[in-house]
PDB file of N, CA and C in Angstrom:
ATOM      1  N   MET A   1      -9.964  -4.955 -11.632  1.00  0.00           N
ATOM      2  CA  MET A   1      -8.643  -4.410 -11.437  1.00  0.00           C
ATOM      3  C   MET A   1      -8.656  -3.464 -10.234  1.00  0.00           C
ATOM      4  N   VAL A   2      -7.525  -3.432  -9.541  1.00  0.00           N
ATOM      5  CA  VAL A   2      -7.371  -2.590  -8.362  1.00  0.00           C
ATOM      6  C   VAL A   2      -6.268  -1.570  -8.643  1.00  0.00           C
ATOM      7  N   LYS A   3      -6.528  -0.303  -8.311  1.00  0.00           N
ATOM      8  CA  LYS A   3      -5.497   0.724  -8.476  1.00  0.00           C
ATOM      9  C   LYS A   3      -4.636   0.760  -7.221  1.00  0.00           C
ATOM     10  N   PHE A   4      -3.332   0.640  -7.430  1.00  0.00           N
ATOM     11  CA  PHE A   4      -2.354   0.633  -6.350  1.00  0.00           C
ATOM     12  C   PHE A   4      -1.372   1.755  -6.623  1.00  0.00           C
ATOM     13  N   ARG A   5      -1.321   2.714  -5.735  1.00  0.00           N
ATOM     14  CA  ARG A   5      -0.480   3.899  -5.925  1.00  0.00           C
ATOM     15  C   ARG A   5       0.756   3.810  -5.043  1.00  0.00           C
ATOM     16  N   ILE A   6       1.924   3.990  -5.639  1.00  0.00           N
ATOM     17  CA  ILE A   6       3.191   3.930  -4.919  1.00  0.00           C
ATOM     18  C   ILE A   6       3.831   5.313  -4.964  1.00  0.00           C
ATOM     19  N   LEU A   7       4.012   5.915  -3.791  1.00  0.00           N
ATOM     20  CA  LEU A   7       4.621   7.238  -3.689  1.00  0.00           C
ATOM     21  C   LEU A   7       6.085   7.094  -3.305  1.00  0.00           C
ATOM     22  N   ASP A   8       6.933   7.905  -3.912  1.00  0.00           N
ATOM     23  CA  ASP A   8       8.336   7.944  -3.519  1.00  0.00           C
ATOM     24  C   ASP A   8       8.905   9.318  -3.845  1.00  0.00           C
ATOM     25  N   ASP A   9      10.199   9.488  -3.646  1.00  0.00           N
ATOM     26  CA  ASP A   9      10.811  10.797  -3.836  1.00  0.00           C
ATOM     27  C   ASP A   9      10.867  11.244  -5.293  1.00  0.00           C
ATOM     28  N   LYS A  10      10.575  10.358  -6.214  1.00  0.00           N
ATOM     29  CA  LYS A  10      10.583  10.695  -7.638  1.00  0.00           C
ATOM     30  C   LYS A  10       9.185  10.951  -8.179  1.00  0.00           C
ATOM     31  N   GLY A  11       8.181  10.902  -7.307  1.00  0.00           N
ATOM     32  CA  GLY A  11       6.804  11.091  -7.742  1.00  0.00           C
ATOM     33  C   GLY A  11       5.959   9.904  -7.333  1.00  0.00           C
ATOM     34  N   ASP A  12       4.998   9.575  -8.164  1.00  0.00           N
ATOM     35  CA  ASP A  12       4.186   8.418  -7.839  1.00  0.00           C
ATOM     36  C   ASP A  12       3.901   7.596  -9.087  1.00  0.00           C
ATOM     37  N   THR A  13       3.627   6.321  -8.831  1.00  0.00           N
ATOM     38  CA  THR A  13       3.328   5.355  -9.870  1.00  0.00           C
ATOM     39  C   THR A  13       1.985   4.742  -9.550  1.00  0.00           C
ATOM     40  N   VAL A  14       1.139   4.605 -10.545  1.00  0.00           N
ATOM     41  CA  VAL A  14      -0.153   3.957 -10.344  1.00  0.00           C
ATOM     42  C   VAL A  14      -0.167   2.666 -11.164  1.00  0.00           C
ATOM     43  N   LEU A  15      -0.397   1.564 -10.467  1.00  0.00           N
ATOM     44  CA  LEU A  15      -0.495   0.259 -11.114  1.00  0.00           C
ATOM     45  C   LEU A  15      -1.944  -0.192 -11.089  1.00  0.00           C
ATOM     46  N   GLU A  16      -2.368  -0.915 -12.107  1.00  0.00           N
ATOM     47  CA  GLU A  16      -3.678  -1.544 -12.102  1.00  0.00           C
ATOM     48  C   GLU A  16      -3.428  -3.042 -12.080  1.00  0.00           C
ATOM     49  N   LEU A  17      -3.813  -3.668 -10.956  1.00  0.00           N
ATOM     50  CA  LEU A  17      -3.498  -5.073 -10.710  1.00  0.00           C
ATOM     51  C   LEU A  17      -4.745  -5.878 -10.396  1.00  0.00           C
ATOM     52  N   GLN A  18      -4.655  -7.171 -10.605  1.00  0.00           N
ATOM     53  CA  GLN A  18      -5.694  -8.083 -10.143  1.00  0.00           C
ATOM     54  C   GLN A  18      -5.634  -8.104  -8.615  1.00  0.00           C
ATOM     55  N   PRO A  19      -6.728  -8.437  -7.924  1.00  0.00           N
ATOM     56  CA  PRO A  19      -6.711  -8.456  -6.460  1.00  0.00           C
ATOM     57  C   PRO A  19      -5.585  -9.313  -5.864  1.00  0.00           C
ATOM     58  N   GLU A  20      -5.335 -10.483  -6.436  1.00  0.00           N
ATOM     59  CA  GLU A  20      -4.280 -11.356  -5.913  1.00  0.00           C
ATOM     60  C   GLU A  20      -2.901 -10.718  -6.088  1.00  0.00           C
ATOM     61  N   GLU A  21      -2.693 -10.057  -7.233  1.00  0.00           N
ATOM     62  CA  GLU A  21      -1.433  -9.359  -7.482  1.00  0.00           C
ATOM     63  C   GLU A  21      -1.277  -8.181  -6.519  1.00  0.00           C
ATOM     64  N   THR A  22      -2.394  -7.539  -6.217  1.00  0.00           N
ATOM     65  CA  THR A  22      -2.374  -6.407  -5.289  1.00  0.00           C
ATOM     66  C   THR A  22      -1.927  -6.862  -3.910  1.00  0.00           C
ATOM     67  N   MET A  23      -2.454  -7.995  -3.442  1.00  0.00           N
ATOM     68  CA  MET A  23      -2.066  -8.526  -2.136  1.00  0.00           C
ATOM     69  C   MET A  23      -0.568  -8.820  -2.114  1.00  0.00           C
ATOM     70  N   GLU A  24      -0.059  -9.431  -3.163  1.00  0.00           N
ATOM     71  CA  GLU A  24       1.372  -9.750  -3.237  1.00  0.00           C
ATOM     72  C   GLU A  24       2.208  -8.468  -3.260  1.00  0.00           C
ATOM     73  N   LYS A  25       1.778  -7.468  -4.020  1.00  0.00           N
ATOM     74  CA  LYS A  25       2.517  -6.206  -4.093  1.00  0.00           C
ATOM     75  C   LYS A  25       2.494  -5.500  -2.738  1.00  0.00           C
ATOM     76  N   MET A  26       1.372  -5.557  -2.037  1.00  0.00           N
ATOM     77  CA  MET A  26       1.285  -4.956  -0.703  1.00  0.00           C
ATOM     78  C   MET A  26       2.268  -5.639   0.246  1.00  0.00           C
ATOM     79  N   ARG A  27       2.366  -6.963   0.172  1.00  0.00           N
ATOM     80  CA  ARG A  27       3.317  -7.703   1.021  1.00  0.00           C
ATOM     81  C   ARG A  27       4.753  -7.287   0.708  1.00  0.00           C
ATOM     82  N   GLN A  28       5.073  -7.168  -0.573  1.00  0.00           N
ATOM     83  CA  GLN A  28       6.422  -6.748  -0.979  1.00  0.00           C
ATOM     84  C   GLN A  28       6.740  -5.354  -0.449  1.00  0.00           C
ATOM     85  N   GLU A  29       5.794  -4.458  -0.574  1.00  0.00           N
ATOM     86  CA  GLU A  29       5.996  -3.087  -0.109  1.00  0.00           C
ATOM     87  C   GLU A  29       6.179  -3.054   1.411  1.00  0.00           C
ATOM     88  N   ALA A  30       5.397  -3.839   2.144  1.00  0.00           N
ATOM     89  CA  ALA A  30       5.518  -3.903   3.604  1.00  0.00           C
ATOM     90  C   ALA A  30       6.887  -4.462   4.000  1.00  0.00           C
ATOM     91  N   GLU A  31       7.372  -5.466   3.268  1.00  0.00           N
ATOM     92  CA  GLU A  31       8.689  -6.039   3.558  1.00  0.00           C
ATOM     93  C   GLU A  31       9.808  -5.025   3.322  1.00  0.00           C
ATOM     94  N   ARG A  32       9.571  -4.064   2.450  1.00  0.00           N
ATOM     95  CA  ARG A  32      10.551  -3.000   2.184  1.00  0.00           C
ATOM     96  C   ARG A  32      10.474  -1.907   3.245  1.00  0.00           C
ATOM     97  N   GLY A  33       9.594  -2.069   4.231  1.00  0.00           N
ATOM     98  CA  GLY A  33       9.478  -1.098   5.304  1.00  0.00           C
ATOM     99  C   GLY A  33       8.595   0.088   4.962  1.00  0.00           C
ATOM    100  N   ARG A  34       7.699  -0.087   4.013  1.00  0.00           N
ATOM    101  CA  ARG A  34       6.826   1.005   3.598  1.00  0.00           C
ATOM    102  C   ARG A  34       5.493   0.939   4.340  1.00  0.00           C
ATOM    103  N   TRP A  35       4.863   2.092   4.476  1.00  0.00           N
ATOM    104  CA  TRP A  35       3.541   2.158   5.096  1.00  0.00           C
ATOM    105  C   TRP A  35       2.485   1.922   4.026  1.00  0.00           C
ATOM    106  N   LEU A  36       1.427   1.222   4.409  1.00  0.00           N
ATOM    107  CA  LEU A  36       0.318   0.936   3.504  1.00  0.00           C
ATOM    108  C   LEU A  36      -0.948   1.601   4.007  1.00  0.00           C
ATOM    109  N   TYR A  37      -1.657   2.221   3.090  1.00  0.00           N
ATOM    110  CA  TYR A  37      -2.929   2.880   3.409  1.00  0.00           C
ATOM    111  C   TYR A  37      -4.030   2.253   2.568  1.00  0.00           C
ATOM    112  N   LEU A  38      -5.113   1.917   3.216  1.00  0.00           N
ATOM    113  CA  LEU A  38      -6.295   1.387   2.549  1.00  0.00           C
ATOM    114  C   LEU A  38      -7.415   2.383   2.830  1.00  0.00           C
ATOM    115  N   ASN A  39      -7.887   3.048   1.788  1.00  0.00           N
ATOM    116  CA  ASN A  39      -8.920   4.089   1.936  1.00  0.00           C
ATOM    117  C   ASN A  39      -8.526   5.137   2.959  1.00  0.00           C
ATOM    118  N   GLY A  40      -7.250   5.542   2.937  1.00  0.00           N
ATOM    119  CA  GLY A  40      -6.779   6.621   3.786  1.00  0.00           C
ATOM    120  C   GLY A  40      -6.379   6.237   5.198  1.00  0.00           C
ATOM    121  N   GLU A  41      -6.491   4.960   5.554  1.00  0.00           N
ATOM    122  CA  GLU A  41      -6.115   4.513   6.897  1.00  0.00           C
ATOM    123  C   GLU A  41      -4.910   3.582   6.828  1.00  0.00           C
ATOM    124  N   VAL A  42      -3.967   3.805   7.740  1.00  0.00           N
ATOM    125  CA  VAL A  42      -2.793   2.928   7.810  1.00  0.00           C
ATOM    126  C   VAL A  42      -3.255   1.520   8.180  1.00  0.00           C
ATOM    127  N   VAL A  43      -2.724   0.518   7.459  1.00  0.00           N
ATOM    128  CA  VAL A  43      -3.093  -0.868   7.737  1.00  0.00           C
ATOM    129  C   VAL A  43      -1.845  -1.721   7.932  1.00  0.00           C
ATOM    130  N   ASN A  44      -2.020  -2.775   8.683  1.00  0.00           N
ATOM    131  CA  ASN A  44      -0.998  -3.803   8.849  1.00  0.00           C
ATOM    132  C   ASN A  44      -1.322  -4.894   7.845  1.00  0.00           C
ATOM    133  N   ILE A  45      -0.370  -5.245   6.996  1.00  0.00           N
ATOM    134  CA  ILE A  45      -0.611  -6.227   5.940  1.00  0.00           C
ATOM    135  C   ILE A  45      -1.126  -7.550   6.499  1.00  0.00           C
ATOM    136  N   ASP A  46      -0.761  -7.885   7.727  1.00  0.00           N
ATOM    137  CA  ASP A  46      -1.210  -9.139   8.329  1.00  0.00           C
ATOM    138  C   ASP A  46      -2.712  -9.160   8.587  1.00  0.00           C
ATOM    139  N   HIS A  47      -3.344  -7.981   8.559  1.00  0.00           N
ATOM    140  CA  HIS A  47      -4.778  -7.905   8.828  1.00  0.00           C
ATOM    141  C   HIS A  47      -5.609  -7.558   7.592  1.00  0.00           C
ATOM    142  N   VAL A  48      -4.977  -7.471   6.439  1.00  0.00           N
ATOM    143  CA  VAL A  48      -5.691  -7.143   5.204  1.00  0.00           C
ATOM    144  C   VAL A  48      -6.199  -8.432   4.562  1.00  0.00           C
ATOM    145  N   THR A  49      -7.474  -8.420   4.192  1.00  0.00           N
ATOM    146  CA  THR A  49      -8.080  -9.589   3.543  1.00  0.00           C
ATOM    147  C   THR A  49      -8.348  -9.286   2.071  1.00  0.00           C
ATOM    148  N   MET A  50      -8.629 -10.324   1.313  1.00  0.00           N
ATOM    149  CA  MET A  50      -8.997 -10.132  -0.091  1.00  0.00           C
ATOM    150  C   MET A  50     -10.280  -9.318  -0.183  1.00  0.00           C
ATOM    151  N   GLU A  51     -11.171  -9.479   0.757  1.00  0.00           N
ATOM    152  CA  GLU A  51     -12.405  -8.690   0.772  1.00  0.00           C
ATOM    153  C   GLU A  51     -12.081  -7.202   0.923  1.00  0.00           C
ATOM    154  N   ASP A  52     -11.109  -6.884   1.808  1.00  0.00           N
ATOM    155  CA  ASP A  52     -10.680  -5.490   1.982  1.00  0.00           C
ATOM    156  C   ASP A  52     -10.167  -4.916   0.655  1.00  0.00           C
ATOM    157  N   ILE A  53      -9.359  -5.692  -0.035  1.00  0.00           N
ATOM    158  CA  ILE A  53      -8.785  -5.244  -1.306  1.00  0.00           C
ATOM    159  C   ILE A  53      -9.878  -5.038  -2.350  1.00  0.00           C
ATOM    160  N   ASN A  54     -10.808  -5.971  -2.427  1.00  0.00           N
ATOM    161  CA  ASN A  54     -11.890  -5.864  -3.404  1.00  0.00           C
ATOM    162  C   ASN A  54     -12.794  -4.660  -3.149  1.00  0.00           C
ATOM    163  N   LYS A  55     -12.932  -4.256  -1.894  1.00  0.00           N
ATOM    164  CA  LYS A  55     -13.794  -3.128  -1.532  1.00  0.00           C
ATOM    165  C   LYS A  55     -13.054  -1.787  -1.541  1.00  0.00           C
ATOM    166  N   ALA A  56     -11.744  -1.812  -1.652  1.00  0.00           N
ATOM    167  CA  ALA A  56     -10.936  -0.595  -1.507  1.00  0.00           C
ATOM    168  C   ALA A  56     -11.162   0.379  -2.662  1.00  0.00           C
ATOM    169  N   ASN A  57     -11.273   1.657  -2.309  1.00  0.00           N
ATOM    170  CA  ASN A  57     -11.313   2.721  -3.306  1.00  0.00           C
ATOM    171  C   ASN A  57      -9.907   3.189  -3.632  1.00  0.00           C
ATOM    172  N   GLU A  58      -9.012   3.070  -2.633  1.00  0.00           N
ATOM    173  CA  GLU A  58      -7.656   3.563  -2.805  1.00  0.00           C
ATOM    174  C   GLU A  58      -6.688   2.740  -1.960  1.00  0.00           C
ATOM    175  N   ILE A  59      -5.601   2.298  -2.576  1.00  0.00           N
ATOM    176  CA  ILE A  59      -4.517   1.616  -1.866  1.00  0.00           C
ATOM    177  C   ILE A  59      -3.244   2.378  -2.195  1.00  0.00           C
ATOM    178  N   VAL A  60      -2.518   2.790  -1.148  1.00  0.00           N
ATOM    179  CA  VAL A  60      -1.317   3.605  -1.333  1.00  0.00           C
ATOM    180  C   VAL A  60      -0.177   3.039  -0.505  1.00  0.00           C
ATOM    181  N   SER A  61       1.022   3.056  -1.081  1.00  0.00           N
ATOM    182  CA  SER A  61       2.250   2.689  -0.384  1.00  0.00           C
ATOM    183  C   SER A  61       3.125   3.933  -0.324  1.00  0.00           C
ATOM    184  N   THR A  62       3.618   4.259   0.890  1.00  0.00           N
ATOM    185  CA  THR A  62       4.491   5.416   1.058  1.00  0.00           C
ATOM    186  C   THR A  62       5.745   5.020   1.835  1.00  0.00           C
ATOM    187  N   PRO A  63       6.817   5.772   1.674  1.00  0.00           N
ATOM    188  CA  PRO A  63       8.009   5.497   2.479  1.00  0.00           C
ATOM    189  C   PRO A  63       7.692   5.718   3.956  1.00  0.00           C
ATOM    190  N   MET A  64       8.287   4.900   4.800  1.00  0.00           N
ATOM    191  CA  MET A  64       8.131   5.071   6.239  1.00  0.00           C
ATOM    192  C   MET A  64       8.906   6.316   6.660  1.00  0.00           C
ATOM    193  N   LEU A  65       8.296   7.121   7.491  1.00  0.00           N
ATOM    194  CA  LEU A  65       8.984   8.296   7.994  1.00  0.00           C
ATOM    195  C   LEU A  65      10.004   7.875   9.033  1.00  0.00           C
ATOM    196  N   LYS A  66      11.182   8.396   8.922  1.00  0.00           N
ATOM    197  CA  LYS A  66      12.245   8.108   9.880  1.00  0.00           C
ATOM    198  C   LYS A  66      12.221   9.182  10.957  1.00  0.00           C
ATOM    199  N   GLY A  67      12.449   8.771  12.173  1.00  0.00           N
ATOM    200  CA  GLY A  67      12.370   9.690  13.308  1.00  0.00           C
ATOM    201  C   GLY A  67      13.530  10.654  13.411  1.00  0.00           C
ATOM    202  N   GLY A  68      13.354  11.574  14.277  1.00  0.00           N
ATOM    203  CA  GLY A  68      14.357  12.560  14.610  1.00  0.00           C
ATOM    204  C   GLY A  68      14.171  12.901  16.078  1.00  0.00           C
ATOM    205  N   SER A  69      14.610  14.028  16.489  1.00  0.00           N
ATOM    206  CA  SER A  69      14.378  14.420  17.868  1.00  0.00           C
ATOM    207  C   SER A  69      13.779  15.820  17.890  1.00  0.00           C
ATOM    208  N   LEU A  70      13.046  16.082  18.942  1.00  0.00           N
ATOM    209  CA  LEU A  70      12.403  17.398  19.076  1.00  0.00           C
ATOM    210  C   LEU A  70      13.306  18.370  19.775  1.00  0.00           C
TER     211      LEU A  70
END
């Protein structure tokens, strides 16, 4: 099982998923415009492999930060 943590404005949710389910959930989160972190590093879902997921200590989805001006 892989722990997948989803952060949002209401707190966070931790799911325990099979590796294949984790990959699908990561794709869904990326399609929603969320940032994905694998072991603390931002990743592009197109470059994540099943091996990456199996080796991951932590997978996190966060809302994308919206810009402003300085």
